[in-house]
């Protein structure tokens, strides 16, 4: 029963995020082209691009996770609190029966935040790798979106998945320096080949 309750709670927190994440491969901005970018992608400062609406909405949702969890981790829910400490959440390690920290609400919320943010990173990576084509502008835009998400994760004191950083490096690499970037950053061939294909970079 506890697992079913937690699956329901996880789904209620993550379903909205998953819906937005599943739209990622179909966003038209990835194929859009800017004449300036087409000739000199590396000359355009990143700060001229803003994150797209889908990722800011995801970021807003993640930043409100502590507030969304608050009703379930208050002092008045002792039985639920006990259950929260002894169950396995999706996309996270088993939560052991550890003593309560002085900030008991933070102690309980952290595994849930980790579970939701890990799921977000996992699904986001999966969906990014389904993007069929990335123009120069699209690659720069996507790297901006990933960087925004990483900033949100840092605000939640969650370490971004290392593959997100690698993706940013691949998306921003000049085509002539692409393979060198992949080698220098020790990026797995499966990852850099998919991104190269989307960016129409011949290896």
N, C-alpha and C. Protein backbone atom coordinates (compact mmCIF):
# COMPACT_ATOMS: atom_id res chain seq x y z
N UNK A 1 0.82 -1.20 0.00
CA UNK A 1 0.00 0.00 0.00
C UNK A 1 0.86 1.26 0.00
N UNK A 2 1.98 1.18 0.76
CA UNK A 2 2.86 2.35 0.82
C UNK A 2 3.44 2.64 -0.56
N UNK A 3 3.85 1.57 -1.28
CA UNK A 3 4.42 1.78 -2.62
C UNK A 3 3.38 2.39 -3.55
N UNK A 4 2.16 1.90 -3.49
CA UNK A 4 1.11 2.46 -4.35
C UNK A 4 0.87 3.93 -4.03
N UNK A 5 0.90 4.25 -2.75
CA UNK A 5 0.70 5.65 -2.35
C UNK A 5 1.83 6.53 -2.86
N UNK A 6 3.05 6.00 -2.80
CA UNK A 6 4.18 6.79 -3.26
C UNK A 6 4.23 6.90 -4.77
N UNK A 7 3.82 5.84 -5.45
CA UNK A 7 3.73 5.91 -6.91
C UNK A 7 2.72 6.98 -7.33
N UNK A 8 1.62 7.02 -6.60
CA UNK A 8 0.58 8.01 -6.90
C UNK A 8 1.12 9.42 -6.64
N UNK A 9 1.81 9.59 -5.52
CA UNK A 9 2.36 10.90 -5.17
C UNK A 9 3.41 11.34 -6.20
N UNK A 10 4.27 10.39 -6.60
CA UNK A 10 5.29 10.70 -7.60
C UNK A 10 4.63 11.11 -8.91
N UNK A 11 3.64 10.34 -9.34
CA UNK A 11 2.96 10.64 -10.60
C UNK A 11 2.28 12.00 -10.55
N UNK A 12 1.69 12.33 -9.40
CA UNK A 12 1.00 13.61 -9.30
C UNK A 12 1.97 14.77 -9.38
N UNK A 13 3.20 14.57 -8.90
CA UNK A 13 4.22 15.62 -8.95
C UNK A 13 4.92 15.69 -10.30
N UNK A 14 5.00 14.54 -10.99
CA UNK A 14 5.83 14.47 -12.19
C UNK A 14 5.06 14.48 -13.50
N UNK A 15 3.79 14.14 -13.49
CA UNK A 15 3.04 14.02 -14.75
C UNK A 15 3.09 15.30 -15.58
N UNK A 16 2.88 16.44 -14.94
CA UNK A 16 2.92 17.71 -15.66
C UNK A 16 4.28 17.97 -16.29
N UNK A 17 5.33 17.61 -15.55
CA UNK A 17 6.69 17.77 -16.07
C UNK A 17 6.92 16.85 -17.27
N UNK A 18 6.48 15.60 -17.13
CA UNK A 18 6.69 14.63 -18.21
C UNK A 18 5.99 15.07 -19.50
N UNK A 19 4.79 15.62 -19.36
CA UNK A 19 4.05 16.09 -20.53
C UNK A 19 4.85 17.15 -21.28
N UNK A 20 5.42 18.09 -20.55
CA UNK A 20 6.23 19.14 -21.18
C UNK A 20 7.52 18.57 -21.77
N UNK A 21 8.14 17.65 -21.06
CA UNK A 21 9.39 17.05 -21.53
C UNK A 21 9.18 16.26 -22.83
N UNK A 22 8.05 15.61 -22.95
CA UNK A 22 7.78 14.80 -24.14
C UNK A 22 7.54 15.65 -25.37
N UNK A 23 7.34 16.95 -25.18
CA UNK A 23 7.16 17.86 -26.32
C UNK A 23 8.50 18.29 -26.91
N UNK A 24 9.59 18.05 -26.19
CA UNK A 24 10.90 18.58 -26.58
C UNK A 24 11.31 18.22 -28.01
N UNK A 25 11.20 16.96 -28.45
CA UNK A 25 11.66 16.63 -29.81
C UNK A 25 10.90 17.36 -30.92
N UNK A 26 9.71 17.88 -30.60
CA UNK A 26 8.84 18.46 -31.63
C UNK A 26 8.85 19.99 -31.65
N UNK A 27 9.69 20.60 -30.85
CA UNK A 27 9.72 22.07 -30.79
C UNK A 27 10.34 22.63 -32.06
N UNK A 28 9.64 23.56 -32.70
CA UNK A 28 10.07 24.08 -34.00
C UNK A 28 11.36 24.89 -33.92
N UNK A 29 11.65 25.44 -32.75
CA UNK A 29 12.84 26.29 -32.60
C UNK A 29 14.13 25.55 -32.93
N UNK A 30 14.13 24.23 -32.80
CA UNK A 30 15.37 23.48 -33.07
C UNK A 30 15.75 23.55 -34.56
N UNK A 31 14.75 23.68 -35.42
CA UNK A 31 15.04 23.74 -36.85
C UNK A 31 15.18 25.16 -37.38
N UNK A 32 14.81 26.15 -36.59
CA UNK A 32 14.85 27.53 -37.08
C UNK A 32 16.28 27.98 -37.31
N UNK A 33 16.44 28.86 -38.26
CA UNK A 33 17.78 29.31 -38.66
C UNK A 33 17.89 30.82 -38.54
N UNK A 34 19.01 31.27 -38.08
CA UNK A 34 19.31 32.70 -38.04
C UNK A 34 20.45 32.95 -39.01
N UNK A 35 20.31 33.87 -39.94
CA UNK A 35 21.38 34.15 -40.91
C UNK A 35 22.71 34.44 -40.23
N UNK A 36 22.65 35.19 -39.15
CA UNK A 36 23.89 35.52 -38.45
C UNK A 36 24.54 34.27 -37.87
N UNK A 37 23.68 33.40 -37.30
CA UNK A 37 24.21 32.19 -36.71
C UNK A 37 24.73 31.23 -37.77
N UNK A 38 24.10 31.21 -38.89
CA UNK A 38 24.49 30.28 -39.94
C UNK A 38 25.92 30.54 -40.40
N UNK A 39 26.36 31.78 -40.34
CA UNK A 39 27.70 32.10 -40.81
C UNK A 39 28.71 32.19 -39.69
N UNK A 40 28.24 32.49 -38.48
CA UNK A 40 29.19 32.67 -37.39
C UNK A 40 28.55 32.34 -36.06
N UNK A 41 28.26 31.06 -35.86
CA UNK A 41 27.61 30.65 -34.63
C UNK A 41 28.42 31.05 -33.40
N UNK A 42 29.73 30.89 -33.47
CA UNK A 42 30.57 31.14 -32.31
C UNK A 42 30.66 32.61 -31.95
N UNK A 43 30.24 33.49 -32.87
CA UNK A 43 30.36 34.92 -32.60
C UNK A 43 29.16 35.48 -31.84
N UNK A 44 28.11 34.67 -31.67
CA UNK A 44 26.91 35.18 -31.01
C UNK A 44 27.01 34.89 -29.52
N UNK A 45 27.03 35.90 -28.68
CA UNK A 45 27.10 35.66 -27.24
C UNK A 45 25.87 34.93 -26.74
N UNK A 46 26.08 34.00 -25.81
CA UNK A 46 24.97 33.21 -25.30
C UNK A 46 23.90 34.08 -24.65
N UNK A 47 24.30 35.21 -24.04
CA UNK A 47 23.34 36.00 -23.30
C UNK A 47 22.27 36.63 -24.19
N UNK A 48 22.44 36.56 -25.49
CA UNK A 48 21.42 37.13 -26.38
C UNK A 48 20.23 36.20 -26.51
N UNK A 49 20.35 34.96 -26.05
CA UNK A 49 19.25 34.01 -26.12
C UNK A 49 18.63 33.84 -24.74
N UNK A 50 17.31 33.69 -24.72
CA UNK A 50 16.60 33.42 -23.48
C UNK A 50 16.06 32.00 -23.53
N UNK A 51 15.94 31.34 -22.38
CA UNK A 51 15.38 29.98 -22.37
C UNK A 51 13.95 29.99 -22.89
N UNK A 52 13.57 28.93 -23.58
CA UNK A 52 12.22 28.83 -24.13
C UNK A 52 11.19 28.58 -23.02
N UNK A 53 9.94 28.81 -23.36
CA UNK A 53 8.87 28.72 -22.37
C UNK A 53 8.77 27.34 -21.73
N UNK A 54 8.95 26.27 -22.50
CA UNK A 54 8.78 24.92 -21.95
C UNK A 54 9.73 24.69 -20.78
N UNK A 55 10.98 25.18 -20.91
CA UNK A 55 11.96 24.89 -19.86
C UNK A 55 11.79 25.83 -18.66
N UNK A 56 11.31 27.06 -18.90
CA UNK A 56 11.04 27.95 -17.76
C UNK A 56 9.84 27.44 -16.97
N UNK A 57 8.88 26.84 -17.66
CA UNK A 57 7.73 26.26 -16.96
C UNK A 57 8.17 25.05 -16.14
N UNK A 58 9.06 24.25 -16.70
CA UNK A 58 9.61 23.11 -15.96
C UNK A 58 10.40 23.61 -14.75
N UNK A 59 11.19 24.65 -14.96
CA UNK A 59 11.96 25.22 -13.86
C UNK A 59 11.06 25.76 -12.76
N UNK A 60 10.01 26.46 -13.14
CA UNK A 60 9.06 26.98 -12.14
C UNK A 60 8.44 25.85 -11.32
N UNK A 61 8.09 24.78 -12.02
CA UNK A 61 7.48 23.63 -11.34
C UNK A 61 8.47 23.02 -10.34
N UNK A 62 9.71 22.85 -10.75
CA UNK A 62 10.72 22.27 -9.86
C UNK A 62 10.97 23.15 -8.64
N UNK A 63 11.02 24.46 -8.87
CA UNK A 63 11.31 25.38 -7.77
C UNK A 63 10.19 25.42 -6.73
N UNK A 64 9.00 24.99 -7.13
CA UNK A 64 7.89 24.96 -6.16
C UNK A 64 7.73 23.60 -5.49
N UNK A 65 8.61 22.65 -5.80
CA UNK A 65 8.51 21.32 -5.18
C UNK A 65 8.49 21.37 -3.65
N UNK A 66 9.36 22.17 -3.02
CA UNK A 66 9.30 22.22 -1.55
C UNK A 66 7.93 22.63 -1.03
N UNK A 67 7.29 23.58 -1.71
CA UNK A 67 5.96 24.02 -1.29
C UNK A 67 4.91 22.93 -1.58
N UNK A 68 5.08 22.21 -2.70
CA UNK A 68 4.13 21.15 -3.03
C UNK A 68 4.21 20.00 -2.03
N UNK A 69 5.41 19.77 -1.50
CA UNK A 69 5.61 18.67 -0.57
C UNK A 69 5.23 19.02 0.87
N UNK A 70 5.16 20.29 1.14
CA UNK A 70 4.95 20.75 2.51
C UNK A 70 3.76 20.11 3.22
N UNK A 71 2.60 19.97 2.56
CA UNK A 71 1.45 19.36 3.27
C UNK A 71 1.70 17.93 3.72
N UNK A 72 2.63 17.25 3.05
CA UNK A 72 2.87 15.83 3.35
C UNK A 72 3.96 15.61 4.40
N UNK A 73 4.67 16.67 4.76
CA UNK A 73 5.82 16.49 5.65
C UNK A 73 5.70 17.38 6.90
N UNK A 74 4.50 17.79 7.19
CA UNK A 74 4.31 18.62 8.37
C UNK A 74 4.34 17.76 9.63
N UNK A 75 4.45 18.41 10.75
CA UNK A 75 4.53 17.71 12.03
C UNK A 75 3.30 16.85 12.29
N UNK A 76 2.18 17.18 11.64
CA UNK A 76 0.93 16.50 11.94
C UNK A 76 0.79 15.16 11.21
N UNK A 77 1.73 14.84 10.32
CA UNK A 77 1.60 13.62 9.52
C UNK A 77 2.69 12.62 9.93
N UNK A 78 2.67 12.20 11.19
CA UNK A 78 3.72 11.33 11.72
C UNK A 78 3.77 9.99 11.00
N UNK A 79 2.63 9.38 10.72
CA UNK A 79 2.61 8.07 10.06
C UNK A 79 3.17 8.16 8.65
N UNK A 80 2.75 9.22 7.93
CA UNK A 80 3.23 9.40 6.57
C UNK A 80 4.73 9.70 6.57
N UNK A 81 5.15 10.47 7.56
CA UNK A 81 6.57 10.79 7.67
C UNK A 81 7.39 9.52 7.84
N UNK A 82 6.92 8.59 8.67
CA UNK A 82 7.61 7.32 8.86
C UNK A 82 7.70 6.55 7.55
N UNK A 83 6.61 6.54 6.80
CA UNK A 83 6.58 5.83 5.52
C UNK A 83 7.54 6.47 4.52
N UNK A 84 7.60 7.79 4.55
CA UNK A 84 8.48 8.49 3.61
C UNK A 84 9.94 8.15 3.83
N UNK A 85 10.27 7.77 5.03
CA UNK A 85 11.66 7.48 5.36
C UNK A 85 12.06 6.05 4.99
N UNK A 86 11.11 5.21 4.63
CA UNK A 86 11.42 3.79 4.46
C UNK A 86 10.85 3.23 3.18
N UNK A 87 11.01 3.95 2.12
CA UNK A 87 10.50 3.46 0.85
C UNK A 87 11.46 3.83 -0.27
N UNK A 88 11.30 3.21 -1.39
CA UNK A 88 12.16 3.47 -2.54
C UNK A 88 11.38 4.30 -3.55
N UNK A 89 11.94 5.43 -3.90
CA UNK A 89 11.29 6.32 -4.85
C UNK A 89 11.87 6.10 -6.24
N UNK A 90 11.09 6.36 -7.30
CA UNK A 90 11.62 6.23 -8.66
C UNK A 90 12.82 7.15 -8.89
N UNK A 91 13.77 6.68 -9.67
CA UNK A 91 14.92 7.47 -10.08
C UNK A 91 15.80 7.91 -8.90
N UNK A 92 15.75 7.16 -7.82
CA UNK A 92 16.62 7.51 -6.69
C UNK A 92 16.98 6.24 -5.94
N UNK A 93 18.01 6.35 -5.12
CA UNK A 93 18.42 5.21 -4.32
C UNK A 93 17.40 4.99 -3.21
N UNK A 94 17.47 3.81 -2.60
CA UNK A 94 16.55 3.51 -1.51
C UNK A 94 16.78 4.49 -0.37
N UNK A 95 15.70 4.99 0.17
CA UNK A 95 15.78 5.92 1.29
C UNK A 95 15.81 5.11 2.58
N UNK A 96 16.91 5.14 3.25
CA UNK A 96 17.07 4.34 4.45
C UNK A 96 16.36 4.93 5.65
N UNK A 97 16.27 4.15 6.70
CA UNK A 97 15.65 4.63 7.94
C UNK A 97 16.69 5.38 8.75
N UNK A 98 16.83 6.63 8.47
CA UNK A 98 17.83 7.46 9.13
C UNK A 98 17.17 8.34 10.18
N UNK A 99 17.92 8.71 11.20
CA UNK A 99 17.35 9.58 12.23
C UNK A 99 16.98 10.93 11.64
N UNK A 100 16.00 11.55 12.24
CA UNK A 100 15.57 12.86 11.76
C UNK A 100 16.64 13.89 12.05
N UNK A 101 16.87 14.77 11.09
CA UNK A 101 17.80 15.86 11.29
C UNK A 101 17.07 16.98 12.03
N UNK A 102 17.81 17.98 12.54
CA UNK A 102 17.13 19.10 13.20
C UNK A 102 16.05 19.73 12.31
N UNK A 103 16.35 19.82 11.04
CA UNK A 103 15.35 20.33 10.10
C UNK A 103 14.66 19.13 9.47
N UNK A 104 13.69 18.55 10.21
CA UNK A 104 13.12 17.27 9.78
C UNK A 104 12.38 17.38 8.47
N UNK A 105 11.77 18.54 8.18
CA UNK A 105 11.03 18.67 6.93
C UNK A 105 11.97 18.63 5.74
N UNK A 106 13.12 19.29 5.87
CA UNK A 106 14.11 19.26 4.81
C UNK A 106 14.63 17.84 4.62
N UNK A 107 14.80 17.13 5.74
CA UNK A 107 15.31 15.76 5.72
C UNK A 107 14.39 14.85 4.92
N UNK A 108 13.09 15.04 5.03
CA UNK A 108 12.13 14.20 4.32
C UNK A 108 11.96 14.66 2.88
N UNK A 109 11.97 15.95 2.67
CA UNK A 109 11.72 16.49 1.33
C UNK A 109 12.86 16.19 0.37
N UNK A 110 14.08 16.16 0.86
CA UNK A 110 15.24 16.01 -0.02
C UNK A 110 15.16 14.78 -0.92
N UNK A 111 14.83 13.58 -0.41
CA UNK A 111 14.74 12.41 -1.30
C UNK A 111 13.68 12.58 -2.38
N UNK A 112 12.57 13.25 -2.04
CA UNK A 112 11.53 13.48 -3.04
C UNK A 112 11.98 14.46 -4.10
N UNK A 113 12.63 15.51 -3.67
CA UNK A 113 13.16 16.48 -4.63
C UNK A 113 14.19 15.81 -5.53
N UNK A 114 15.04 14.97 -4.92
CA UNK A 114 16.05 14.25 -5.71
C UNK A 114 15.38 13.33 -6.72
N UNK A 115 14.32 12.65 -6.30
CA UNK A 115 13.62 11.72 -7.19
C UNK A 115 13.02 12.46 -8.39
N UNK A 116 12.32 13.56 -8.13
CA UNK A 116 11.67 14.31 -9.21
C UNK A 116 12.70 14.96 -10.13
N UNK A 117 13.75 15.54 -9.56
CA UNK A 117 14.77 16.19 -10.40
C UNK A 117 15.56 15.16 -11.20
N UNK A 118 15.85 14.01 -10.60
CA UNK A 118 16.56 12.97 -11.35
C UNK A 118 15.70 12.46 -12.50
N UNK A 119 14.41 12.30 -12.24
CA UNK A 119 13.50 11.88 -13.31
C UNK A 119 13.45 12.92 -14.42
N UNK A 120 13.43 14.19 -14.02
CA UNK A 120 13.41 15.27 -15.01
C UNK A 120 14.65 15.23 -15.90
N UNK A 121 15.81 15.09 -15.28
CA UNK A 121 17.05 15.03 -16.06
C UNK A 121 17.08 13.82 -16.98
N UNK A 122 16.65 12.68 -16.45
CA UNK A 122 16.67 11.44 -17.23
C UNK A 122 15.78 11.54 -18.47
N UNK A 123 14.54 11.99 -18.26
CA UNK A 123 13.59 12.08 -19.38
C UNK A 123 14.02 13.19 -20.34
N UNK A 124 14.53 14.28 -19.81
CA UNK A 124 14.99 15.39 -20.67
C UNK A 124 16.09 14.91 -21.60
N UNK A 125 17.04 14.19 -21.07
CA UNK A 125 18.12 13.65 -21.91
C UNK A 125 17.58 12.72 -22.98
N UNK A 126 16.66 11.85 -22.58
CA UNK A 126 16.05 10.93 -23.55
C UNK A 126 15.37 11.69 -24.68
N UNK A 127 14.63 12.72 -24.33
CA UNK A 127 13.88 13.47 -25.34
C UNK A 127 14.79 14.30 -26.23
N UNK A 128 15.84 14.87 -25.66
CA UNK A 128 16.80 15.64 -26.45
C UNK A 128 17.42 14.76 -27.54
N UNK A 129 17.74 13.52 -27.18
CA UNK A 129 18.38 12.62 -28.13
C UNK A 129 17.41 12.14 -29.22
N UNK A 130 16.14 12.49 -29.10
CA UNK A 130 15.16 12.17 -30.15
C UNK A 130 14.99 13.30 -31.16
N UNK A 131 15.65 14.44 -30.90
CA UNK A 131 15.55 15.57 -31.83
C UNK A 131 16.23 15.20 -33.14
N UNK A 132 15.48 15.26 -34.22
CA UNK A 132 16.00 14.79 -35.51
C UNK A 132 16.99 15.76 -36.14
N UNK A 133 16.75 17.05 -35.99
CA UNK A 133 17.63 18.03 -36.63
C UNK A 133 17.77 19.26 -35.76
N UNK A 134 19.02 19.73 -35.63
CA UNK A 134 19.32 20.96 -34.90
C UNK A 134 20.07 21.91 -35.82
N UNK A 135 19.47 23.05 -36.09
CA UNK A 135 20.18 24.09 -36.83
C UNK A 135 21.24 24.69 -35.90
N UNK A 136 22.07 25.57 -36.44
CA UNK A 136 23.05 26.25 -35.59
C UNK A 136 22.33 27.01 -34.47
N UNK A 137 21.27 27.70 -34.86
CA UNK A 137 20.49 28.45 -33.88
C UNK A 137 19.82 27.50 -32.88
N UNK A 138 19.29 26.40 -33.38
CA UNK A 138 18.63 25.43 -32.51
C UNK A 138 19.58 24.83 -31.49
N UNK A 139 20.82 24.55 -31.91
CA UNK A 139 21.82 23.99 -31.00
C UNK A 139 22.16 24.99 -29.90
N UNK A 140 22.31 26.25 -30.29
CA UNK A 140 22.62 27.28 -29.30
C UNK A 140 21.45 27.49 -28.34
N UNK A 141 20.23 27.45 -28.87
CA UNK A 141 19.04 27.61 -28.04
C UNK A 141 18.92 26.46 -27.04
N UNK A 142 19.14 25.25 -27.51
CA UNK A 142 19.03 24.09 -26.63
C UNK A 142 20.07 24.14 -25.53
N UNK A 143 21.29 24.58 -25.86
CA UNK A 143 22.32 24.69 -24.83
C UNK A 143 21.93 25.73 -23.79
N UNK A 144 21.27 26.79 -24.23
CA UNK A 144 20.77 27.82 -23.30
C UNK A 144 19.71 27.23 -22.38
N UNK A 145 18.82 26.41 -22.94
CA UNK A 145 17.77 25.78 -22.14
C UNK A 145 18.36 24.82 -21.11
N UNK A 146 19.35 24.05 -21.52
CA UNK A 146 19.99 23.10 -20.60
C UNK A 146 20.69 23.86 -19.47
N UNK A 147 21.36 24.93 -19.83
CA UNK A 147 22.05 25.73 -18.82
C UNK A 147 21.06 26.32 -17.82
N UNK A 148 19.90 26.75 -18.31
CA UNK A 148 18.86 27.27 -17.42
C UNK A 148 18.41 26.19 -16.43
N UNK A 149 18.17 24.98 -16.94
CA UNK A 149 17.76 23.89 -16.06
C UNK A 149 18.82 23.59 -15.01
N UNK A 150 20.07 23.62 -15.41
CA UNK A 150 21.17 23.37 -14.46
C UNK A 150 21.18 24.42 -13.36
N UNK A 151 20.89 25.66 -13.72
CA UNK A 151 20.82 26.73 -12.72
C UNK A 151 19.68 26.48 -11.72
N UNK A 152 18.55 25.99 -12.24
CA UNK A 152 17.42 25.66 -11.37
C UNK A 152 17.81 24.53 -10.42
N UNK A 153 18.46 23.52 -10.95
CA UNK A 153 18.89 22.38 -10.12
C UNK A 153 19.86 22.84 -9.04
N UNK A 154 20.78 23.71 -9.40
CA UNK A 154 21.72 24.23 -8.42
C UNK A 154 21.00 24.99 -7.32
N UNK A 155 19.95 25.71 -7.69
CA UNK A 155 19.16 26.45 -6.70
C UNK A 155 18.47 25.50 -5.72
N UNK A 156 18.17 24.30 -6.19
CA UNK A 156 17.56 23.28 -5.34
C UNK A 156 18.61 22.42 -4.64
N UNK A 157 19.88 22.78 -4.83
CA UNK A 157 21.01 22.05 -4.25
C UNK A 157 21.06 20.62 -4.77
N UNK A 158 20.75 20.48 -6.06
CA UNK A 158 20.85 19.19 -6.75
C UNK A 158 21.95 19.30 -7.80
N UNK A 159 22.83 18.32 -7.84
CA UNK A 159 23.91 18.34 -8.83
C UNK A 159 23.38 17.92 -10.19
N UNK A 160 23.55 18.74 -11.22
CA UNK A 160 23.09 18.36 -12.57
C UNK A 160 23.80 17.11 -13.06
N UNK A 161 23.09 16.31 -13.81
CA UNK A 161 23.67 15.13 -14.44
C UNK A 161 24.86 15.56 -15.32
N UNK A 162 25.98 14.82 -15.22
CA UNK A 162 27.18 15.19 -15.98
C UNK A 162 26.92 15.16 -17.48
N UNK A 163 25.94 14.36 -17.92
CA UNK A 163 25.65 14.30 -19.35
C UNK A 163 25.03 15.60 -19.85
N UNK A 164 24.37 16.34 -18.98
CA UNK A 164 23.83 17.63 -19.38
C UNK A 164 24.96 18.59 -19.72
N UNK A 165 26.01 18.56 -18.91
CA UNK A 165 27.18 19.40 -19.19
C UNK A 165 27.84 18.96 -20.50
N UNK A 166 27.94 17.67 -20.70
CA UNK A 166 28.53 17.17 -21.95
C UNK A 166 27.71 17.56 -23.16
N UNK A 167 26.40 17.51 -23.02
CA UNK A 167 25.52 17.92 -24.11
C UNK A 167 25.74 19.40 -24.46
N UNK A 168 25.87 20.22 -23.44
CA UNK A 168 26.11 21.64 -23.66
C UNK A 168 27.41 21.85 -24.42
N UNK A 169 28.45 21.11 -24.04
CA UNK A 169 29.74 21.21 -24.74
C UNK A 169 29.60 20.82 -26.21
N UNK A 170 28.85 19.75 -26.48
CA UNK A 170 28.68 19.29 -27.86
C UNK A 170 27.83 20.26 -28.68
N UNK A 171 26.83 20.84 -28.05
CA UNK A 171 25.95 21.76 -28.76
C UNK A 171 26.64 23.07 -29.10
N UNK A 172 27.61 23.47 -28.28
CA UNK A 172 28.29 24.74 -28.50
C UNK A 172 29.60 24.58 -29.28
N UNK A 173 30.02 23.35 -29.48
CA UNK A 173 31.29 23.13 -30.18
C UNK A 173 31.17 23.54 -31.65
N UNK A 174 32.19 24.24 -32.15
CA UNK A 174 32.25 24.56 -33.58
C UNK A 174 32.38 23.25 -34.35
N UNK A 175 31.70 23.12 -35.47
CA UNK A 175 31.76 21.85 -36.22
C UNK A 175 33.18 21.34 -36.45
N UNK A 176 34.12 22.25 -36.73
CA UNK A 176 35.48 21.82 -36.99
C UNK A 176 36.19 21.33 -35.73
N UNK A 177 35.69 21.73 -34.57
CA UNK A 177 36.29 21.33 -33.30
C UNK A 177 35.46 20.27 -32.58
N UNK A 178 34.43 19.78 -33.25
CA UNK A 178 33.48 18.89 -32.59
C UNK A 178 34.14 17.62 -32.06
N UNK A 179 34.87 16.92 -32.92
CA UNK A 179 35.49 15.66 -32.50
C UNK A 179 36.52 15.88 -31.40
N UNK A 180 37.26 16.97 -31.49
CA UNK A 180 38.25 17.28 -30.46
C UNK A 180 37.55 17.54 -29.12
N UNK A 181 36.44 18.25 -29.18
CA UNK A 181 35.67 18.51 -27.96
C UNK A 181 35.19 17.21 -27.34
N UNK A 182 34.69 16.30 -28.18
CA UNK A 182 34.19 15.02 -27.69
C UNK A 182 35.29 14.21 -27.01
N UNK A 183 36.49 14.24 -27.60
CA UNK A 183 37.63 13.50 -27.04
C UNK A 183 38.11 14.16 -25.76
N UNK A 184 38.29 15.49 -25.80
CA UNK A 184 38.79 16.22 -24.63
C UNK A 184 37.86 16.07 -23.42
N UNK A 185 36.56 16.04 -23.68
CA UNK A 185 35.58 15.94 -22.59
C UNK A 185 35.24 14.49 -22.25
N UNK A 186 35.89 13.55 -22.94
CA UNK A 186 35.69 12.12 -22.69
C UNK A 186 34.22 11.72 -22.79
N UNK A 187 33.60 12.18 -23.87
CA UNK A 187 32.18 11.93 -24.07
C UNK A 187 31.98 10.58 -24.78
N UNK A 188 31.03 9.82 -24.30
CA UNK A 188 30.76 8.50 -24.88
C UNK A 188 30.38 8.62 -26.35
N UNK A 189 30.93 7.73 -27.21
CA UNK A 189 30.63 7.78 -28.65
C UNK A 189 29.13 7.78 -28.95
N UNK A 190 28.37 7.00 -28.21
CA UNK A 190 26.93 6.93 -28.47
C UNK A 190 26.27 8.30 -28.34
N UNK A 191 26.76 9.11 -27.40
CA UNK A 191 26.18 10.44 -27.19
C UNK A 191 26.62 11.42 -28.26
N UNK A 192 27.93 11.49 -28.51
CA UNK A 192 28.38 12.51 -29.46
C UNK A 192 27.99 12.18 -30.90
N UNK A 193 27.78 10.91 -31.21
CA UNK A 193 27.35 10.56 -32.56
C UNK A 193 25.90 10.98 -32.81
N UNK A 194 25.04 10.82 -31.80
CA UNK A 194 23.64 11.22 -31.94
C UNK A 194 23.55 12.74 -32.13
N UNK A 195 24.30 13.48 -31.32
CA UNK A 195 24.28 14.94 -31.42
C UNK A 195 24.88 15.39 -32.74
N UNK A 196 25.94 14.73 -33.19
CA UNK A 196 26.56 15.08 -34.47
C UNK A 196 25.57 14.88 -35.61
N UNK A 197 24.82 13.80 -35.56
CA UNK A 197 23.84 13.51 -36.62
C UNK A 197 22.76 14.60 -36.62
N UNK A 198 22.29 14.98 -35.44
CA UNK A 198 21.26 16.02 -35.36
C UNK A 198 21.78 17.35 -35.87
N UNK A 199 23.06 17.63 -35.62
CA UNK A 199 23.65 18.90 -36.07
C UNK A 199 24.22 18.81 -37.49
N UNK A 200 24.05 17.67 -38.14
CA UNK A 200 24.55 17.44 -39.50
C UNK A 200 26.06 17.64 -39.59
N UNK A 201 26.76 17.17 -38.58
CA UNK A 201 28.22 17.22 -38.55
C UNK A 201 28.75 15.86 -38.96
N UNK A 202 29.59 15.84 -39.99
CA UNK A 202 30.17 14.59 -40.46
C UNK A 202 31.39 14.24 -39.61
N UNK A 203 31.42 12.99 -39.16
CA UNK A 203 32.54 12.53 -38.33
C UNK A 203 33.50 11.70 -39.16
